[in-house]
C-alpha cells in the first residue's frame, strides 16, 4: 500500500463517527471568517464550506464498507 492510500485510510478512520462534529466545525469556521471580513467573501466561503462538507460525506465511501486497507481479497481455490 502506498503512502497516499495509507493516509486516506487513516483520514477515513478519523472522520468515521465524527461527521456531524466536523461539519459543525466547518460551519463555525466559515461563520468566523465571514464575521472577520464583514461578509465580503461570503460567496467564496460558502463554496468552500459546501466542498468541505461534501468531502466529509464522501470520505467514508458506502455505509458499512471497510476502508481499502482493511479489505481482505478473496482466496482463490487451487485447481
Protein backbone atom coordinates (compact mmCIF):
# COMPACT_ATOMS: atom_id res chain seq x y z
CA UNK A 1 0.00 0.00 0.00
CA UNK A 2 1.36 3.40 -0.92
CA UNK A 3 1.71 6.42 1.30
CA UNK A 4 -1.34 8.15 -0.20
CA UNK A 5 -3.52 5.08 0.33
CA UNK A 6 -2.31 4.80 3.92
CA UNK A 7 -3.12 8.45 4.61
CA UNK A 8 -6.55 8.06 3.01
CA UNK A 9 -7.38 5.09 5.24
CA UNK A 10 -6.24 7.00 8.33
CA UNK A 11 -8.33 10.04 7.34
CA UNK A 12 -11.38 7.85 6.81
CA UNK A 13 -10.86 6.35 10.25
CA UNK A 14 -10.69 9.77 11.86
CA UNK A 15 -13.76 11.05 10.03
CA UNK A 16 -15.90 7.95 10.62
CA UNK A 17 -18.24 8.56 13.53
CA UNK A 18 -17.37 12.25 13.76
CA UNK A 19 -19.06 13.52 10.63
CA UNK A 20 -21.52 15.88 12.32
CA UNK A 21 -18.90 17.38 14.64
CA UNK A 22 -16.60 18.02 11.68
CA UNK A 23 -19.41 19.60 9.66
CA UNK A 24 -20.33 21.80 12.64
CA UNK A 25 -16.70 22.91 12.82
CA UNK A 26 -16.69 23.72 9.12
CA UNK A 27 -19.83 25.82 9.56
CA UNK A 28 -18.47 27.69 12.60
CA UNK A 29 -15.18 28.38 10.85
CA UNK A 30 -16.98 29.81 7.82
CA UNK A 31 -19.13 31.99 10.05
CA UNK A 32 -15.99 33.23 11.84
CA UNK A 33 -14.33 34.15 8.53
CA UNK A 34 -17.50 35.93 7.41
CA UNK A 35 -17.61 37.92 10.65
CA UNK A 36 -13.96 38.97 10.36
CA UNK A 37 -14.28 40.01 6.70
CA UNK A 38 -17.66 41.66 7.08
CA UNK A 39 -19.19 39.14 4.69
CA UNK A 40 -17.10 40.46 1.81
CA UNK A 41 -16.16 36.94 0.72
CA UNK A 42 -19.34 35.16 1.80
CA UNK A 43 -19.89 33.54 -1.60
CA UNK A 44 -16.39 32.10 -1.64
CA UNK A 45 -16.64 30.95 1.97
CA UNK A 46 -19.95 29.22 1.26
CA UNK A 47 -18.41 27.35 -1.69
CA UNK A 48 -15.52 26.16 0.47
CA UNK A 49 -17.91 25.11 3.24
CA UNK A 50 -20.01 23.14 0.77
CA UNK A 51 -16.94 21.46 -0.72
CA UNK A 52 -15.54 20.53 2.69
CA UNK A 53 -18.90 19.14 3.84
CA UNK A 54 -19.19 17.10 0.65
CA UNK A 55 -15.67 15.77 1.21
CA UNK A 56 -16.66 14.63 4.71
CA UNK A 57 -19.78 12.94 3.29
CA UNK A 58 -17.78 11.16 0.60
CA UNK A 59 -14.77 10.25 2.72
CA UNK A 60 -16.47 7.23 4.21
CA UNK A 61 -17.40 5.53 0.97
CA UNK A 62 -20.55 3.48 1.13
CA UNK A 63 -22.09 2.65 4.52
CA UNK A 64 -20.76 -0.50 6.20
CA UNK A 65 -17.87 -0.67 3.75
CA UNK A 66 -14.44 -1.26 5.23
CA UNK A 67 -11.65 1.17 4.30
CA UNK A 68 -9.42 -0.06 1.47
CA UNK A 69 -6.64 -1.07 3.86
CA UNK A 70 -8.92 -3.42 5.77
CA UNK A 71 -10.39 -5.29 2.80
CA UNK A 72 -9.16 -8.86 2.54
CA UNK A 73 -9.05 -10.19 -1.02
CA UNK A 74 -10.88 -13.48 -1.66
CA UNK A 75 -8.82 -16.66 -1.57
CA UNK A 76 -8.55 -18.41 -4.92
CA UNK A 77 -9.11 -22.17 -4.97
CA UNK A 78 -6.26 -24.29 -6.25
CA UNK A 79 -7.06 -26.23 -9.45
